[in-house]
Amino acid sequence: MRTEEITIRVDPEAASAYRCASDEERRKLDLLLSLKLSDVTKSTGSLKEIMREISRKAQERGLTPEILESLLHE
C-alpha cells in the first residue's frame, strides 16, 4: 500500500505514546488511523456524527477513557 506522510495535532499524551511506540506499533497505529480517516471521508454523515458513533461503539465494547489511556502507554 502506498502511503503519504501528514501532520496532525493530538494531545501531548497521544504524541508521547506514538513517539515511544515501537516501529511495529507505529505501523499498526498508522494503518488504524488511515482506515478511520478513510471511513470518515467516505461517509455521508457529519464528522461530529461519525465521531459520536465511533465513541458509542467503543464504549459498548467496554473501552473506557482509562483503558484507552493504558493501551496508549503500553
N, C-alpha and C. Protein backbone atom coordinates (compact mmCIF):
# COMPACT_ATOMS: atom_id res chain seq x y z
N MET A 1 0.85 -1.18 0.00
CA MET A 1 0.00 0.00 0.00
C MET A 1 0.89 1.24 0.00
N ARG A 2 0.60 2.15 -0.90
CA ARG A 2 1.35 3.41 -0.97
C ARG A 2 0.83 4.34 0.11
N THR A 3 1.73 5.04 0.77
CA THR A 3 1.33 5.95 1.85
C THR A 3 1.94 7.33 1.63
N GLU A 4 1.36 8.30 2.30
CA GLU A 4 1.87 9.67 2.32
C GLU A 4 1.94 10.12 3.76
N GLU A 5 2.91 10.94 4.07
CA GLU A 5 3.06 11.47 5.41
C GLU A 5 2.24 12.76 5.55
N ILE A 6 1.53 12.88 6.68
CA ILE A 6 0.77 14.10 7.00
C ILE A 6 1.11 14.50 8.43
N THR A 7 0.72 15.69 8.80
CA THR A 7 0.89 16.17 10.16
C THR A 7 -0.48 16.43 10.75
N ILE A 8 -0.72 15.89 11.95
CA ILE A 8 -1.99 16.14 12.64
C ILE A 8 -1.69 16.60 14.06
N ARG A 9 -2.63 17.31 14.64
CA ARG A 9 -2.48 17.77 16.02
C ARG A 9 -3.19 16.80 16.95
N VAL A 10 -2.47 16.37 17.99
CA VAL A 10 -3.02 15.49 19.01
C VAL A 10 -2.60 16.02 20.37
N ASP A 11 -3.22 15.49 21.43
CA ASP A 11 -2.82 15.95 22.76
C ASP A 11 -1.42 15.43 23.08
N PRO A 12 -0.74 16.05 24.05
CA PRO A 12 0.64 15.68 24.37
C PRO A 12 0.81 14.20 24.75
N GLU A 13 -0.17 13.63 25.44
CA GLU A 13 -0.06 12.23 25.85
C GLU A 13 -0.08 11.31 24.63
N ALA A 14 -0.97 11.60 23.68
CA ALA A 14 -1.04 10.79 22.46
C ALA A 14 0.26 10.91 21.66
N ALA A 15 0.79 12.12 21.58
CA ALA A 15 2.04 12.33 20.86
C ALA A 15 3.18 11.56 21.51
N SER A 16 3.24 11.60 22.82
CA SER A 16 4.28 10.88 23.55
C SER A 16 4.15 9.38 23.36
N ALA A 17 2.92 8.88 23.44
CA ALA A 17 2.69 7.44 23.26
C ALA A 17 3.12 7.00 21.86
N TYR A 18 2.83 7.82 20.86
CA TYR A 18 3.21 7.47 19.49
C TYR A 18 4.73 7.48 19.34
N ARG A 19 5.36 8.51 19.87
CA ARG A 19 6.82 8.60 19.77
C ARG A 19 7.52 7.44 20.48
N CYS A 20 6.94 6.98 21.59
CA CYS A 20 7.55 5.90 22.37
C CYS A 20 7.22 4.51 21.83
N ALA A 21 6.30 4.42 20.90
CA ALA A 21 5.88 3.12 20.35
C ALA A 21 6.99 2.53 19.48
N SER A 22 7.01 1.20 19.43
CA SER A 22 7.96 0.52 18.55
C SER A 22 7.57 0.77 17.09
N ASP A 23 8.48 0.46 16.18
CA ASP A 23 8.18 0.64 14.76
C ASP A 23 6.94 -0.17 14.35
N GLU A 24 6.83 -1.39 14.86
CA GLU A 24 5.68 -2.23 14.54
C GLU A 24 4.39 -1.62 15.07
N GLU A 25 4.42 -1.12 16.31
CA GLU A 25 3.23 -0.49 16.89
C GLU A 25 2.85 0.76 16.10
N ARG A 26 3.84 1.53 15.67
CA ARG A 26 3.56 2.73 14.87
C ARG A 26 2.90 2.38 13.55
N ARG A 27 3.39 1.32 12.90
CA ARG A 27 2.77 0.89 11.64
C ARG A 27 1.31 0.51 11.86
N LYS A 28 1.03 -0.16 12.97
CA LYS A 28 -0.35 -0.55 13.28
C LYS A 28 -1.21 0.69 13.54
N LEU A 29 -0.67 1.64 14.30
CA LEU A 29 -1.40 2.87 14.58
C LEU A 29 -1.63 3.67 13.30
N ASP A 30 -0.61 3.72 12.45
CA ASP A 30 -0.75 4.42 11.16
C ASP A 30 -1.87 3.80 10.33
N LEU A 31 -1.89 2.48 10.27
CA LEU A 31 -2.93 1.79 9.49
C LEU A 31 -4.31 2.04 10.08
N LEU A 32 -4.42 1.95 11.40
CA LEU A 32 -5.70 2.18 12.06
C LEU A 32 -6.21 3.59 11.77
N LEU A 33 -5.35 4.57 11.91
CA LEU A 33 -5.74 5.95 11.65
C LEU A 33 -6.11 6.15 10.18
N SER A 34 -5.35 5.55 9.29
CA SER A 34 -5.64 5.65 7.87
C SER A 34 -7.02 5.08 7.55
N LEU A 35 -7.32 3.92 8.12
CA LEU A 35 -8.63 3.30 7.90
C LEU A 35 -9.76 4.17 8.43
N LYS A 36 -9.57 4.72 9.62
CA LYS A 36 -10.61 5.57 10.21
C LYS A 36 -10.81 6.84 9.39
N LEU A 37 -9.73 7.45 8.95
CA LEU A 37 -9.85 8.65 8.13
C LEU A 37 -10.55 8.34 6.81
N SER A 38 -10.25 7.19 6.24
CA SER A 38 -10.94 6.78 5.00
C SER A 38 -12.43 6.60 5.25
N ASP A 39 -12.77 5.96 6.37
CA ASP A 39 -14.19 5.77 6.72
C ASP A 39 -14.89 7.11 6.84
N VAL A 40 -14.25 8.06 7.50
CA VAL A 40 -14.86 9.37 7.73
C VAL A 40 -15.08 10.10 6.41
N THR A 41 -14.11 10.06 5.54
CA THR A 41 -14.24 10.81 4.29
C THR A 41 -15.23 10.17 3.32
N LYS A 42 -15.47 8.88 3.45
CA LYS A 42 -16.41 8.19 2.56
C LYS A 42 -17.83 8.23 3.09
N SER A 43 -17.99 8.59 4.34
CA SER A 43 -19.31 8.59 4.96
C SER A 43 -20.11 9.81 4.54
N THR A 44 -21.42 9.67 4.56
CA THR A 44 -22.28 10.79 4.21
C THR A 44 -22.66 11.62 5.43
N GLY A 45 -22.38 11.12 6.64
CA GLY A 45 -22.71 11.85 7.85
C GLY A 45 -21.68 12.92 8.16
N SER A 46 -22.01 13.77 9.10
CA SER A 46 -21.07 14.81 9.50
C SER A 46 -19.96 14.19 10.35
N LEU A 47 -18.84 14.86 10.41
CA LEU A 47 -17.71 14.38 11.21
C LEU A 47 -18.13 14.19 12.66
N LYS A 48 -18.90 15.13 13.19
CA LYS A 48 -19.34 15.05 14.58
C LYS A 48 -20.19 13.79 14.81
N GLU A 49 -21.09 13.49 13.88
CA GLU A 49 -21.93 12.29 13.99
C GLU A 49 -21.08 11.03 13.94
N ILE A 50 -20.11 11.02 13.06
CA ILE A 50 -19.23 9.86 12.92
C ILE A 50 -18.42 9.65 14.19
N MET A 51 -17.90 10.74 14.75
CA MET A 51 -17.12 10.64 15.98
C MET A 51 -17.99 10.13 17.13
N ARG A 52 -19.23 10.60 17.20
CA ARG A 52 -20.14 10.10 18.23
C ARG A 52 -20.38 8.61 18.07
N GLU A 53 -20.57 8.17 16.84
CA GLU A 53 -20.81 6.76 16.57
C GLU A 53 -19.60 5.90 16.94
N ILE A 54 -18.41 6.34 16.59
CA ILE A 54 -17.19 5.62 16.94
C ILE A 54 -17.06 5.53 18.45
N SER A 55 -17.31 6.63 19.14
CA SER A 55 -17.24 6.66 20.60
C SER A 55 -18.26 5.72 21.22
N ARG A 56 -19.49 5.76 20.70
CA ARG A 56 -20.55 4.90 21.22
C ARG A 56 -20.19 3.43 21.06
N LYS A 57 -19.70 3.06 19.89
CA LYS A 57 -19.32 1.67 19.64
C LYS A 57 -18.17 1.24 20.55
N ALA A 58 -17.21 2.11 20.74
CA ALA A 58 -16.09 1.79 21.62
C ALA A 58 -16.56 1.58 23.05
N GLN A 59 -17.46 2.43 23.52
CA GLN A 59 -17.99 2.29 24.88
C GLN A 59 -18.81 1.02 25.01
N GLU A 60 -19.59 0.67 23.99
CA GLU A 60 -20.37 -0.57 24.02
C GLU A 60 -19.46 -1.78 24.13
N ARG A 61 -18.29 -1.67 23.57
CA ARG A 61 -17.33 -2.77 23.60
C ARG A 61 -16.47 -2.74 24.87
N GLY A 62 -16.77 -1.79 25.75
CA GLY A 62 -16.08 -1.73 27.04
C GLY A 62 -14.85 -0.85 27.07
N LEU A 63 -14.61 -0.09 26.03
CA LEU A 63 -13.44 0.78 26.01
C LEU A 63 -13.77 2.07 26.76
N THR A 64 -13.11 2.25 27.87
CA THR A 64 -13.28 3.47 28.65
C THR A 64 -12.09 4.39 28.38
N PRO A 65 -12.20 5.67 28.74
CA PRO A 65 -11.04 6.56 28.57
C PRO A 65 -9.81 6.05 29.31
N GLU A 66 -10.02 5.44 30.47
CA GLU A 66 -8.90 4.91 31.24
C GLU A 66 -8.23 3.74 30.52
N ILE A 67 -9.03 2.85 29.95
CA ILE A 67 -8.47 1.71 29.21
C ILE A 67 -7.72 2.21 27.98
N LEU A 68 -8.30 3.16 27.27
CA LEU A 68 -7.64 3.71 26.10
C LEU A 68 -6.29 4.32 26.49
N GLU A 69 -6.28 5.06 27.56
CA GLU A 69 -5.03 5.68 28.04
C GLU A 69 -3.99 4.62 28.35
N SER A 70 -4.39 3.55 29.03
CA SER A 70 -3.43 2.50 29.37
C SER A 70 -2.93 1.79 28.12
N LEU A 71 -3.80 1.59 27.13
CA LEU A 71 -3.37 0.97 25.87
C LEU A 71 -2.35 1.84 25.14
N LEU A 72 -2.56 3.13 25.18
CA LEU A 72 -1.63 4.04 24.51
C LEU A 72 -0.27 4.07 25.19
N HIS A 73 -0.24 3.72 26.48
CA HIS A 73 1.02 3.77 27.22
C HIS A 73 1.70 2.41 27.32
N GLU A 74 1.15 1.37 26.70
CA GLU A 74 1.77 0.05 26.73
C GLU A 74 2.95 0.00 25.81
